[in-house]
Amino acid sequence: MGILEKISEIEKEIARTQKNKATEYHLGLLKAKLAKYRAQLLEPSKSASSKGEGFDVMKSGDARVALIGFPSVGLEASKEQRGLLLPEPPRRGQRCLFQLFSSHPSKLPSQVGETSLLPAPSTFLSLMTSTASEAASYEFTTLTCIPGVIEYKGANIQLLDLPGIIEGAAQGKGRGRQVIAVARTADVVIMMLDATKGEVQRSLLEKELESVGIRLNKHKPNIYFKPRKGGGVSFNSTVTLTQCSEKLVQLILHEYKIFNAEVLFREDCSPDEFIDVIVGNRVYMPCLYVYNKIDQISMEEVDRLARKPNSVVISCGMKLNLDYLLEMLWEYLALTCIYTKKRGQRPDFTDAIILRKGASVEHVCHRIHRSLASQFKYALVWGTSTKYSPQRVGLTHTMEHEDVIQIVKK
């Protein structure tokens, strides 16, 4: 029995097992086995494989955003925006197809079919960045990464379109490992969803990303875990545990062949979160759920979707609410703009230094030049991070958004 069959059997066993006090140890063991098999599935193959086209995109700009979504999310049913949409009647056993007839002379009706429909990430990419629309029109099944750059508040935000993340990436099919490797390097995930299709797409995408070790809008569990050479399992907790017990923790550790370790729970965590701590390769990143096609649903439904946590409603076809989406993306990236000033001159507001929120004066020095921190004497700062302007500060002073700094060397 292969790894895929074992994963399928364990998932079926978990689905048909009732959740109660008597079965919590059995379910914990099944979840530990499932996580172990999925980790084996995503490991690179040891057998020699032929070299293919490179997938990796060089990291550029001040932040990286991964864009995922189904291919039919971005197609707008608007004659003014897309030309003439003629739906064919669906045959038995087939889903409905659409033919797109464009007035552009280079796109003939014979060249436009089901696979040439612009997916939502591509539509969003061509709207928000300067990337040519020809680069974004590709088949969904091709595992190619389309990069673009958003220029906002002086920052260059790299936008990556990752269509293959939902095409069997969790099972290691195709080039799923490369797609996952690029998605893990992103700072924020934007999930493009169709507002007319309810919560089906969101649950499918969340499940796919969850199975490959990407945790969306979650923080790392506050569990101290350290394997050791002897002494057995030392278990302690600073809070009352309602989801995990000492026996369940030992069973999970034994499944991973760990018989000597120190475990300290600082918060009430589930068995799944404890397994994530043991595996140690989980990525925790913020996610923004973007609902497209709000011009095709009622105002009540738009209001319901907009009030959901971590959600933004837009329309790519009518260009609605895109400015608010950029504001939310800026907040999720937690970036700050720092302006520099030379002695006796006005501040340079044309070229900002982009840093993460909570950056100090020392980070600013390293960004300007790597030897500046060693020659640093003091700095004068104007802005909201100071009690008065200008304030004389040291290397440990925390900068805030749109502060102005003047550095004085020894």
Protein backbone atom coordinates (compact mmCIF):
# COMPACT_ATOMS: atom_id res chain seq x y z
CA MET A 1 0.00 0.00 0.00
CA GLY A 2 1.42 3.37 -1.06
CA ILE A 3 1.50 6.59 0.95
CA LEU A 4 -1.52 8.03 -0.88
CA GLU A 5 -3.60 4.95 -0.05
CA LYS A 6 -2.50 5.09 3.60
CA ILE A 7 -3.48 8.78 3.81
CA SER A 8 -6.86 8.02 2.25
CA GLU A 9 -7.50 5.17 4.70
CA ILE A 10 -6.60 7.32 7.73
CA GLU A 11 -8.82 10.19 6.54
CA LYS A 12 -11.74 7.78 6.12
CA GLU A 13 -11.09 6.34 9.58
CA ILE A 14 -11.08 9.82 11.15
CA ALA A 15 -14.30 10.74 9.31
CA ARG A 16 -16.24 7.71 10.56
CA THR A 17 -14.93 7.80 14.14
CA GLN A 18 -17.16 9.54 16.66
CA LYS A 19 -15.52 12.29 18.71
CA ASN A 20 -15.94 11.67 22.41
CA LYS A 21 -13.88 11.06 25.53
CA ALA A 22 -13.36 7.38 24.77
CA THR A 23 -11.99 7.92 21.24
CA GLU A 24 -9.76 10.98 21.81
CA TYR A 25 -6.59 8.86 22.15
CA HIS A 26 -7.42 6.89 18.99
CA LEU A 27 -8.07 10.11 17.04
CA GLY A 28 -4.85 11.64 18.33
CA LEU A 29 -2.83 8.67 17.06
CA LEU A 30 -4.56 8.81 13.67
CA LYS A 31 -3.81 12.53 13.33
CA ALA A 32 -0.16 11.94 14.22
CA LYS A 33 0.12 9.19 11.57
CA LEU A 34 -1.62 11.42 9.01
CA ALA A 35 0.81 14.30 9.63
CA LYS A 36 3.77 11.90 9.37
CA TYR A 37 2.64 10.43 6.05
CA ARG A 38 1.94 13.90 4.60
CA ALA A 39 5.43 15.02 5.59
CA GLN A 40 6.90 11.96 3.81
CA LEU A 41 4.83 12.76 0.74
CA LEU A 42 6.24 16.28 0.47
CA GLU A 43 9.86 15.21 0.85
CA PRO A 44 11.91 15.53 -2.34
CA SER A 45 12.29 12.34 -4.32
CA LYS A 46 15.67 10.60 -4.03
CA SER A 47 15.49 9.12 -7.52
CA ALA A 48 17.15 11.07 -10.30
CA SER A 49 14.66 13.11 -12.27
CA SER A 50 15.03 15.05 -15.49
CA LYS A 51 15.56 18.77 -15.18
CA GLY A 52 12.60 20.91 -16.13
CA GLU A 53 11.82 24.59 -16.43
CA GLY A 54 12.67 26.55 -13.28
CA PHE A 55 9.76 27.63 -11.16
CA ASP A 56 11.48 29.75 -8.50
CA VAL A 57 11.02 33.50 -8.76
CA MET A 58 13.78 35.67 -7.34
CA LYS A 59 12.56 37.62 -4.32
CA SER A 60 12.46 41.33 -5.02
CA GLY A 61 10.86 44.40 -3.51
CA ASP A 62 10.02 45.01 0.14
CA ALA A 63 7.44 42.22 0.63
CA ARG A 64 6.06 39.17 -1.16
CA VAL A 65 2.37 38.28 -1.55
CA ALA A 66 1.11 34.92 -2.85
CA LEU A 67 -2.10 35.00 -4.89
CA ILE A 68 -4.20 31.85 -5.17
CA GLY A 69 -7.67 31.07 -6.45
CA PHE A 70 -9.74 29.00 -8.86
CA PRO A 71 -9.51 29.87 -12.57
CA SER A 72 -13.19 30.80 -12.98
CA VAL A 73 -13.29 33.37 -10.16
CA GLY A 74 -12.09 36.33 -12.18
CA LEU A 75 -14.26 36.04 -15.28
CA GLU A 76 -16.77 38.89 -15.21
CA ALA A 77 -20.06 38.51 -17.12
CA SER A 78 -19.90 42.02 -18.54
CA LYS A 79 -20.16 42.70 -22.26
CA GLU A 80 -18.49 46.09 -21.88
CA GLN A 81 -15.53 44.62 -19.96
CA ARG A 82 -15.04 41.24 -21.64
CA GLY A 83 -16.82 41.30 -24.96
CA LEU A 84 -19.66 38.90 -25.73
CA LEU A 85 -20.19 35.87 -23.48
CA LEU A 86 -22.15 33.10 -25.11
CA PRO A 87 -22.92 30.15 -22.81
CA GLU A 88 -23.28 26.76 -24.43
CA PRO A 89 -25.97 24.45 -23.07
CA PRO A 90 -24.30 21.90 -20.77
CA ARG A 91 -24.36 18.30 -21.92
CA ARG A 92 -24.99 15.35 -19.66
CA GLY A 93 -21.97 14.70 -17.48
CA GLN A 94 -20.23 17.94 -18.50
CA ARG A 95 -20.03 21.30 -16.80
CA CYS A 96 -21.10 24.46 -18.58
CA LEU A 97 -18.51 25.94 -20.96
CA PHE A 98 -18.16 29.55 -22.03
CA GLN A 99 -16.80 30.93 -25.25
CA LEU A 100 -15.27 34.38 -25.16
CA PHE A 101 -15.37 36.40 -28.39
CA SER A 102 -13.04 39.37 -28.15
CA SER A 103 -13.02 42.31 -30.51
CA HIS A 104 -9.21 42.34 -30.44
CA PRO A 105 -7.90 41.24 -33.86
CA SER A 106 -5.15 39.06 -32.35
CA LYS A 107 -7.69 36.92 -30.45
CA LEU A 108 -9.85 35.00 -32.86
CA PRO A 109 -12.90 33.04 -31.66
CA SER A 110 -11.19 29.78 -32.58
CA GLN A 111 -8.28 30.61 -30.30
CA VAL A 112 -10.49 31.36 -27.30
CA GLY A 113 -11.89 28.43 -25.36
CA GLU A 114 -12.36 27.03 -21.91
CA THR A 115 -8.65 27.11 -20.97
CA SER A 116 -8.08 30.71 -22.09
CA LEU A 117 -10.46 32.30 -19.60
CA LEU A 118 -8.59 34.70 -17.37
CA PRO A 119 -8.48 33.36 -13.83
CA ALA A 120 -9.13 35.64 -10.88
CA PRO A 121 -5.48 35.90 -9.82
CA SER A 122 -4.52 36.84 -13.39
CA THR A 123 -7.31 39.41 -13.63
CA PHE A 124 -6.26 40.89 -10.30
CA LEU A 125 -2.60 40.80 -11.33
CA SER A 126 -3.19 42.75 -14.54
CA LEU A 127 -5.33 45.32 -12.69
CA MET A 128 -3.06 45.98 -9.72
CA THR A 129 0.36 45.72 -11.37
CA SER A 130 2.03 46.83 -14.59
CA THR A 131 2.31 43.22 -15.79
CA ALA A 132 1.10 42.82 -19.37
CA SER A 133 -2.22 41.02 -19.74
CA GLU A 134 -0.68 38.58 -22.23
CA ALA A 135 1.59 37.26 -19.46
CA ALA A 136 -1.38 36.58 -17.22
CA SER A 137 -3.45 34.64 -19.78
CA TYR A 138 -2.36 31.04 -19.34
CA GLU A 139 -3.94 27.70 -18.71
CA PHE A 140 -4.71 26.94 -15.12
CA THR A 141 -3.08 23.53 -15.29
CA THR A 142 0.34 24.95 -16.17
CA LEU A 143 2.56 25.37 -13.13
CA THR A 144 4.11 28.70 -14.11
CA CYS A 145 4.51 31.60 -11.69
CA ILE A 146 3.49 35.04 -12.97
CA PRO A 147 5.20 37.82 -10.96
CA GLY A 148 4.11 41.44 -10.73
CA VAL A 149 4.93 44.48 -8.60
CA ILE A 150 2.48 46.76 -6.77
CA GLU A 151 3.82 50.25 -6.03
CA TYR A 152 2.06 51.59 -2.95
CA LYS A 153 3.15 54.24 -0.42
CA GLY A 154 6.71 54.11 -1.72
CA ALA A 155 6.97 50.33 -1.29
CA ASN A 156 7.40 47.70 -4.01
CA ILE A 157 5.22 44.69 -3.15
CA GLN A 158 5.91 41.57 -5.21
CA LEU A 159 2.71 39.77 -6.25
CA LEU A 160 3.00 36.08 -7.24
CA ASP A 161 0.26 34.18 -9.04
CA LEU A 162 0.42 30.52 -7.94
CA PRO A 163 -2.25 28.56 -9.83
CA GLY A 164 -0.81 25.11 -9.20
CA ILE A 165 -1.19 25.23 -5.42
CA ILE A 166 -4.59 23.56 -5.66
CA GLU A 167 -3.78 21.09 -8.41
CA GLY A 168 -2.77 18.07 -6.34
CA ALA A 169 0.00 19.89 -4.50
CA ALA A 170 -0.86 18.16 -1.23
CA GLN A 171 -0.40 14.75 -2.89
CA GLY A 172 2.91 15.78 -4.46
CA LYS A 173 1.55 15.57 -8.02
CA GLY A 174 3.21 17.45 -10.84
CA ARG A 175 5.33 20.30 -9.55
CA GLY A 176 3.39 20.73 -6.32
CA ARG A 177 6.54 20.74 -4.20
CA GLN A 178 7.99 23.72 -6.05
CA VAL A 179 4.70 25.62 -5.78
CA ILE A 180 4.52 24.99 -2.04
CA ALA A 181 8.15 26.05 -1.59
CA VAL A 182 7.42 29.42 -3.23
CA ALA A 183 4.14 29.88 -1.30
CA ARG A 184 5.97 29.32 2.00
CA THR A 185 8.28 32.26 1.27
CA ALA A 186 5.38 34.75 1.02
CA ASP A 187 4.60 37.28 3.75
CA VAL A 188 0.82 37.35 3.10
CA VAL A 189 -1.57 35.07 1.19
CA ILE A 190 -4.41 36.63 -0.81
CA MET A 191 -7.16 34.08 -1.45
CA MET A 192 -9.34 35.08 -4.42
CA LEU A 193 -12.90 33.74 -4.04
CA ASP A 194 -16.07 33.90 -6.10
CA ALA A 195 -18.76 35.76 -4.17
CA THR A 196 -21.48 33.96 -6.15
CA LYS A 197 -20.38 30.46 -5.05
CA GLY A 198 -20.67 30.72 -1.26
CA GLU A 199 -18.08 29.14 1.00
CA VAL A 200 -17.22 26.10 -1.13
CA GLN A 201 -14.05 27.52 -2.67
CA ARG A 202 -12.80 28.93 0.63
CA SER A 203 -13.09 25.60 2.44
CA LEU A 204 -11.37 23.72 -0.42
CA LEU A 205 -8.44 26.12 -0.58
CA GLU A 206 -8.05 26.22 3.21
CA LYS A 207 -8.01 22.43 3.34
CA GLU A 208 -5.36 22.23 0.62
CA LEU A 209 -3.07 24.77 2.29
CA GLU A 210 -3.64 23.20 5.71
CA SER A 211 -2.52 19.81 4.43
CA VAL A 212 0.80 21.19 3.16
CA GLY A 213 1.70 22.84 6.45
CA ILE A 214 0.58 26.44 5.83
CA ARG A 215 -1.46 27.82 8.74
CA LEU A 216 -3.57 30.84 7.83
CA ASN A 217 -4.36 33.58 10.39
CA LYS A 218 -3.07 31.46 13.26
CA HIS A 219 -0.27 32.05 15.73
CA LYS A 220 2.39 29.54 16.68
CA PRO A 221 1.25 27.39 19.64
CA ASN A 222 2.84 28.45 22.91
CA ILE A 223 4.29 25.02 23.68
CA TYR A 224 7.86 24.40 24.80
CA PHE A 225 9.15 21.16 23.29
CA LYS A 226 12.74 19.88 23.47
CA PRO A 227 13.91 16.30 22.79
CA ARG A 228 16.64 15.00 25.09
CA LYS A 229 18.87 11.94 25.39
CA GLY A 230 17.35 10.35 28.50
CA GLY A 231 14.99 10.74 31.43
CA GLY A 232 11.70 9.87 29.72
CA VAL A 233 8.93 12.36 28.95
CA SER A 234 8.64 15.33 31.32
CA PHE A 235 5.15 16.83 30.99
CA ASN A 236 3.97 20.09 32.60
CA SER A 237 1.38 22.79 31.94
CA THR A 238 0.80 26.29 33.28
CA VAL A 239 -2.92 26.29 32.35
CA THR A 240 -5.80 23.86 32.65
CA LEU A 241 -5.82 21.58 29.58
CA THR A 242 -9.20 20.60 28.14
CA GLN A 243 -8.09 19.14 24.77
CA CYS A 244 -4.81 17.32 25.56
CA SER A 245 -3.78 15.03 28.40
CA GLU A 246 -0.42 13.60 29.47
CA LYS A 247 -1.32 10.16 28.15
CA LEU A 248 -2.30 11.55 24.73
CA VAL A 249 0.94 13.58 24.53
CA GLN A 250 2.99 10.44 25.27
CA LEU A 251 1.11 8.42 22.63
CA ILE A 252 1.73 11.09 19.99
CA LEU A 253 5.42 11.29 20.92
CA HIS A 254 5.77 7.49 20.74
CA GLU A 255 4.26 7.56 17.25
CA TYR A 256 7.18 9.82 16.21
CA LYS A 257 9.67 7.49 18.00
CA ILE A 258 10.35 10.15 20.66
CA PHE A 259 10.68 8.59 24.13
CA ASN A 260 12.71 11.30 25.91
CA ALA A 261 11.54 14.90 25.76
CA GLU A 262 10.52 17.93 27.79
CA VAL A 263 7.02 19.29 27.11
CA LEU A 264 5.50 22.44 28.64
CA PHE A 265 2.03 23.70 27.64
CA ARG A 266 1.67 27.46 28.21
CA GLU A 267 -1.81 27.55 26.64
CA ASP A 268 -4.72 25.18 26.04
CA CYS A 269 -3.80 23.62 22.68
CA SER A 270 -5.34 20.83 20.61
CA PRO A 271 -3.55 17.61 19.53
CA ASP A 272 -3.20 19.03 16.00
CA GLU A 273 -1.32 22.07 17.33
CA PHE A 274 0.97 19.84 19.42
CA ILE A 275 1.72 17.75 16.29
CA ASP A 276 2.62 20.98 14.45
CA VAL A 277 5.13 21.80 17.21
CA ILE A 278 6.71 18.32 16.95
CA VAL A 279 7.01 18.45 13.16
CA GLY A 280 8.46 21.97 13.34
CA ASN A 281 8.12 22.89 9.65
CA ARG A 282 4.76 24.70 9.77
CA VAL A 283 4.48 28.22 8.38
CA TYR A 284 2.15 30.72 10.07
CA MET A 285 1.15 33.62 7.85
CA PRO A 286 -1.73 36.10 7.58
CA CYS A 287 -4.36 35.57 4.89
CA LEU A 288 -6.75 38.03 3.28
CA TYR A 289 -9.96 36.54 1.83
CA VAL A 290 -10.95 38.58 -1.23
CA TYR A 291 -14.46 38.03 -2.61
CA ASN A 292 -14.72 38.99 -6.28
CA LYS A 293 -17.84 39.57 -8.45
CA ILE A 294 -19.79 41.55 -5.84
CA ASP A 295 -21.62 43.29 -8.71
CA GLN A 296 -23.49 40.01 -9.35
CA ILE A 297 -24.93 39.46 -5.84
CA SER A 298 -27.38 41.31 -3.61
CA MET A 299 -26.43 44.12 -1.24
CA GLU A 300 -27.38 41.96 1.75
CA GLU A 301 -24.92 39.26 0.66
CA VAL A 302 -22.19 41.89 0.06
CA ASP A 303 -22.75 43.25 3.57
CA ARG A 304 -22.58 39.73 5.06
CA LEU A 305 -19.31 38.91 3.29
CA ALA A 306 -17.74 42.28 4.10
CA ARG A 307 -18.39 41.81 7.84
CA LYS A 308 -16.52 38.51 7.97
CA PRO A 309 -13.11 38.63 9.68
CA ASN A 310 -10.08 39.01 7.37
CA SER A 311 -12.35 39.57 4.35
CA VAL A 312 -12.57 42.22 1.61
CA VAL A 313 -15.19 42.45 -1.15
CA ILE A 314 -14.18 43.71 -4.62
CA SER A 315 -15.15 43.61 -8.27
CA CYS A 316 -12.32 43.28 -10.80
CA GLY A 317 -14.63 43.92 -13.75
CA MET A 318 -16.05 47.20 -12.39
CA LYS A 319 -12.91 48.08 -10.35
CA LEU A 320 -14.80 48.42 -7.08
CA ASN A 321 -13.12 48.68 -3.64
CA LEU A 322 -9.59 48.03 -4.93
CA ASP A 323 -8.18 51.00 -2.98
CA TYR A 324 -9.51 49.58 0.31
CA LEU A 325 -7.94 46.21 -0.56
CA LEU A 326 -4.55 47.90 -0.91
CA GLU A 327 -4.99 49.57 2.49
CA MET A 328 -5.83 46.22 4.11
CA LEU A 329 -2.86 44.57 2.39
CA TRP A 330 -0.57 47.29 3.76
CA GLU A 331 -1.86 46.63 7.30
CA TYR A 332 -1.38 42.86 6.97
CA LEU A 333 2.17 43.31 5.67
CA ALA A 334 2.97 45.56 8.68
CA LEU A 335 5.33 47.82 6.76
CA THR A 336 6.57 51.29 7.76
CA CYS A 337 8.07 54.11 5.68
CA ILE A 338 11.11 55.90 7.11
CA TYR A 339 12.42 59.09 5.48
CA THR A 340 16.03 60.28 5.75
CA LYS A 341 17.33 63.81 6.18
CA LYS A 342 20.78 65.29 5.63
CA ARG A 343 22.13 67.98 7.94
CA GLY A 344 20.98 71.45 6.89
CA GLN A 345 18.66 70.10 4.16
CA ARG A 346 14.99 69.23 3.83
CA PRO A 347 13.86 65.58 4.25
CA ASP A 348 13.84 63.42 1.14
CA PHE A 349 10.20 62.35 0.80
CA THR A 350 10.71 60.86 -2.67
CA ASP A 351 12.80 57.86 -1.60
CA ALA A 352 11.58 56.09 1.55
CA ILE A 353 13.21 53.24 3.45
CA ILE A 354 10.68 50.40 3.85
CA LEU A 355 11.03 48.35 7.04
CA ARG A 356 8.90 46.01 9.14
CA LYS A 357 6.78 47.42 11.94
CA GLY A 358 8.80 47.60 15.17
CA ALA A 359 12.11 48.29 13.42
CA SER A 360 14.73 50.24 15.38
CA VAL A 361 17.29 52.88 14.43
CA GLU A 362 19.84 50.09 14.10
CA HIS A 363 17.75 48.46 11.35
CA VAL A 364 17.68 51.80 9.51
CA CYS A 365 21.50 52.02 9.74
CA HIS A 366 21.92 48.49 8.34
CA ARG A 367 19.55 49.27 5.47
CA ILE A 368 21.51 52.42 4.51
CA HIS A 369 24.98 50.81 4.84
CA ARG A 370 26.30 47.82 6.73
CA SER A 371 29.16 49.82 8.35
CA LEU A 372 26.98 52.76 9.46
CA ALA A 373 25.96 51.17 12.77
CA SER A 374 29.58 50.85 13.92
CA GLN A 375 30.17 54.57 13.18
CA PHE A 376 26.86 55.66 14.77
CA LYS A 377 26.99 58.47 17.37
CA TYR A 378 23.33 59.52 17.73
CA ALA A 379 20.26 60.24 15.61
CA LEU A 380 17.66 63.01 15.45
CA VAL A 381 14.11 61.78 14.84
CA TRP A 382 10.98 63.72 13.88
CA GLY A 383 7.60 61.98 13.99
CA THR A 384 5.07 60.11 16.13
CA SER A 385 7.66 57.88 17.82
CA THR A 386 9.18 60.81 19.73
CA LYS A 387 7.98 62.90 22.68
CA TYR A 388 9.14 66.08 20.97
CA SER A 389 10.65 66.90 17.57
CA PRO A 390 13.47 66.53 17.00
CA GLN A 391 14.47 64.04 19.70
CA ARG A 392 17.99 62.71 20.15
CA VAL A 393 17.85 58.89 20.24
CA GLY A 394 20.13 55.85 20.23
CA LEU A 395 20.27 52.62 18.25
CA THR A 396 17.48 50.92 20.23
CA HIS A 397 14.81 53.56 19.53
CA THR A 398 11.74 52.07 17.77
CA MET A 399 10.70 53.87 14.59
CA GLU A 400 7.10 54.42 13.47
CA HIS A 401 5.40 55.04 10.13
CA GLU A 402 6.57 58.16 8.23
CA ASP A 403 9.22 59.15 10.78
CA VAL A 404 12.12 61.33 9.60
CA ILE A 405 15.64 60.45 10.77
CA GLN A 406 18.99 62.26 10.63
CA ILE A 407 22.01 60.13 11.57
CA VAL A 408 25.13 61.69 13.04
CA LYS A 409 28.37 59.69 12.80
CA LYS A 410 31.32 59.71 15.20
